[in-house]
């Protein structure tokens, strides 16, 4: 059974940003899919589908590693 959560991420401005966040999140164990709805100058929506629930700290760290800020779960 998979888990899907949606997160808010700030600081993303282009497709390069989308790829950086996608790559970092996809590298987390159990992540099967990452989708990003880019909102330039605002809070982008990032949907993560994983085999099991992910630790919030792991998601936050992955987003930070890409250079952006996790602002919450929706």
C-alpha atoms as a PDB file:
ATOM      1  CA  UNK A   1       0.000   0.000   0.000  1.00  0.00           C
ATOM      2  CA  UNK A   2       1.430   3.376  -0.966  1.00  0.00           C
ATOM      3  CA  UNK A   3       1.271   6.715   0.794  1.00  0.00           C
ATOM      4  CA  UNK A   4       0.826  10.050  -0.974  1.00  0.00           C
ATOM      5  CA  UNK A   5       1.512  13.362   0.747  1.00  0.00           C
ATOM      6  CA  UNK A   6       1.564  16.897  -0.575  1.00  0.00           C
ATOM      7  CA  UNK A   7       4.101  19.441   0.641  1.00  0.00           C
ATOM      8  CA  UNK A   8       4.588  23.176   0.157  1.00  0.00           C
ATOM      9  CA  UNK A   9       8.037  24.297  -0.996  1.00  0.00           C
ATOM     10  CA  UNK A  10       9.248  27.879  -1.430  1.00  0.00           C
ATOM     11  CA  UNK A  11      12.106  29.326  -3.447  1.00  0.00           C
ATOM     12  CA  UNK A  12      11.558  27.397  -6.672  1.00  0.00           C
ATOM     13  CA  UNK A  13      11.616  29.516  -9.852  1.00  0.00           C
ATOM     14  CA  UNK A  14      12.224  27.248 -12.858  1.00  0.00           C
ATOM     15  CA  UNK A  15      12.375  23.717 -14.254  1.00  0.00           C
ATOM     16  CA  UNK A  16      15.927  23.330 -12.921  1.00  0.00           C
ATOM     17  CA  UNK A  17      14.489  23.865  -9.429  1.00  0.00           C
ATOM     18  CA  UNK A  18      11.824  21.245 -10.110  1.00  0.00           C
ATOM     19  CA  UNK A  19      14.473  18.736 -11.234  1.00  0.00           C
ATOM     20  CA  UNK A  20      16.673  19.406  -8.186  1.00  0.00           C
ATOM     21  CA  UNK A  21      13.810  18.818  -5.737  1.00  0.00           C
ATOM     22  CA  UNK A  22      12.562  15.793  -7.685  1.00  0.00           C
ATOM     23  CA  UNK A  23      16.022  14.217  -7.742  1.00  0.00           C
ATOM     24  CA  UNK A  24      16.593  14.675  -4.004  1.00  0.00           C
ATOM     25  CA  UNK A  25      13.160  13.342  -3.027  1.00  0.00           C
ATOM     26  CA  UNK A  26      13.349  10.414  -5.447  1.00  0.00           C
ATOM     27  CA  UNK A  27      16.612   9.377  -3.764  1.00  0.00           C
ATOM     28  CA  UNK A  28      14.782   8.764  -0.466  1.00  0.00           C
ATOM     29  CA  UNK A  29      14.153   5.061   0.228  1.00  0.00           C
ATOM     30  CA  UNK A  30      10.683   3.946  -0.836  1.00  0.00           C
ATOM     31  CA  UNK A  31       9.784   6.997  -2.937  1.00  0.00           C
ATOM     32  CA  UNK A  32       8.037   5.890  -6.123  1.00  0.00           C
ATOM     33  CA  UNK A  33       6.929   9.176  -7.677  1.00  0.00           C
ATOM     34  CA  UNK A  34       7.357  12.921  -7.241  1.00  0.00           C
ATOM     35  CA  UNK A  35       5.207  15.535  -8.940  1.00  0.00           C
ATOM     36  CA  UNK A  36       5.739  19.295  -8.731  1.00  0.00           C
ATOM     37  CA  UNK A  37       3.296  22.103  -9.499  1.00  0.00           C
ATOM     38  CA  UNK A  38       5.693  25.047  -9.866  1.00  0.00           C
ATOM     39  CA  UNK A  39       4.486  28.406  -8.550  1.00  0.00           C
ATOM     40  CA  UNK A  40       7.122  31.024  -9.354  1.00  0.00           C
ATOM     41  CA  UNK A  41       7.427  33.509  -6.496  1.00  0.00           C
ATOM     42  CA  UNK A  42       5.085  31.522  -4.272  1.00  0.00           C
ATOM     43  CA  UNK A  43       4.629  28.148  -2.665  1.00  0.00           C
ATOM     44  CA  UNK A  44       5.007  25.257  -5.085  1.00  0.00           C
ATOM     45  CA  UNK A  45       3.078  22.053  -4.461  1.00  0.00           C
ATOM     46  CA  UNK A  46       5.132  18.855  -4.301  1.00  0.00           C
ATOM     47  CA  UNK A  47       3.329  15.488  -4.216  1.00  0.00           C
ATOM     48  CA  UNK A  48       5.335  12.486  -3.052  1.00  0.00           C
ATOM     49  CA  UNK A  49       4.158   8.886  -3.432  1.00  0.00           C
ATOM     50  CA  UNK A  50       6.072   6.367  -1.336  1.00  0.00           C
ATOM     51  CA  UNK A  51       5.821   2.747  -0.268  1.00  0.00           C
ATOM     52  CA  UNK A  52       5.460   3.802   3.391  1.00  0.00           C
ATOM     53  CA  UNK A  53       5.107   7.089   5.268  1.00  0.00           C
ATOM     54  CA  UNK A  54       8.252   9.218   5.154  1.00  0.00           C
ATOM     55  CA  UNK A  55       9.753  10.968   8.152  1.00  0.00           C
ATOM     56  CA  UNK A  56       9.078  14.689   7.913  1.00  0.00           C
ATOM     57  CA  UNK A  57      12.703  15.398   8.742  1.00  0.00           C
ATOM     58  CA  UNK A  58      13.870  13.278   5.787  1.00  0.00           C
ATOM     59  CA  UNK A  59      11.636  15.219   3.398  1.00  0.00           C
ATOM     60  CA  UNK A  60      12.722  18.566   4.885  1.00  0.00           C
ATOM     61  CA  UNK A  61      16.399  17.600   4.625  1.00  0.00           C
ATOM     62  CA  UNK A  62      16.015  16.444   1.002  1.00  0.00           C
ATOM     63  CA  UNK A  63      14.303  19.689   0.007  1.00  0.00           C
ATOM     64  CA  UNK A  64      16.973  21.707   1.855  1.00  0.00           C
ATOM     65  CA  UNK A  65      19.726  19.722   0.114  1.00  0.00           C
ATOM     66  CA  UNK A  66      18.200  20.831  -3.191  1.00  0.00           C
ATOM     67  CA  UNK A  67      18.386  24.434  -1.950  1.00  0.00           C
ATOM     68  CA  UNK A  68      14.756  25.138  -1.074  1.00  0.00           C
ATOM     69  CA  UNK A  69      12.487  25.403   1.966  1.00  0.00           C
ATOM     70  CA  UNK A  70       9.759  23.011   3.035  1.00  0.00           C
ATOM     71  CA  UNK A  71       6.917  25.087   4.467  1.00  0.00           C
ATOM     72  CA  UNK A  72       4.418  22.426   5.394  1.00  0.00           C
ATOM     73  CA  UNK A  73       2.257  19.482   4.522  1.00  0.00           C
ATOM     74  CA  UNK A  74      -1.130  20.032   2.906  1.00  0.00           C
END
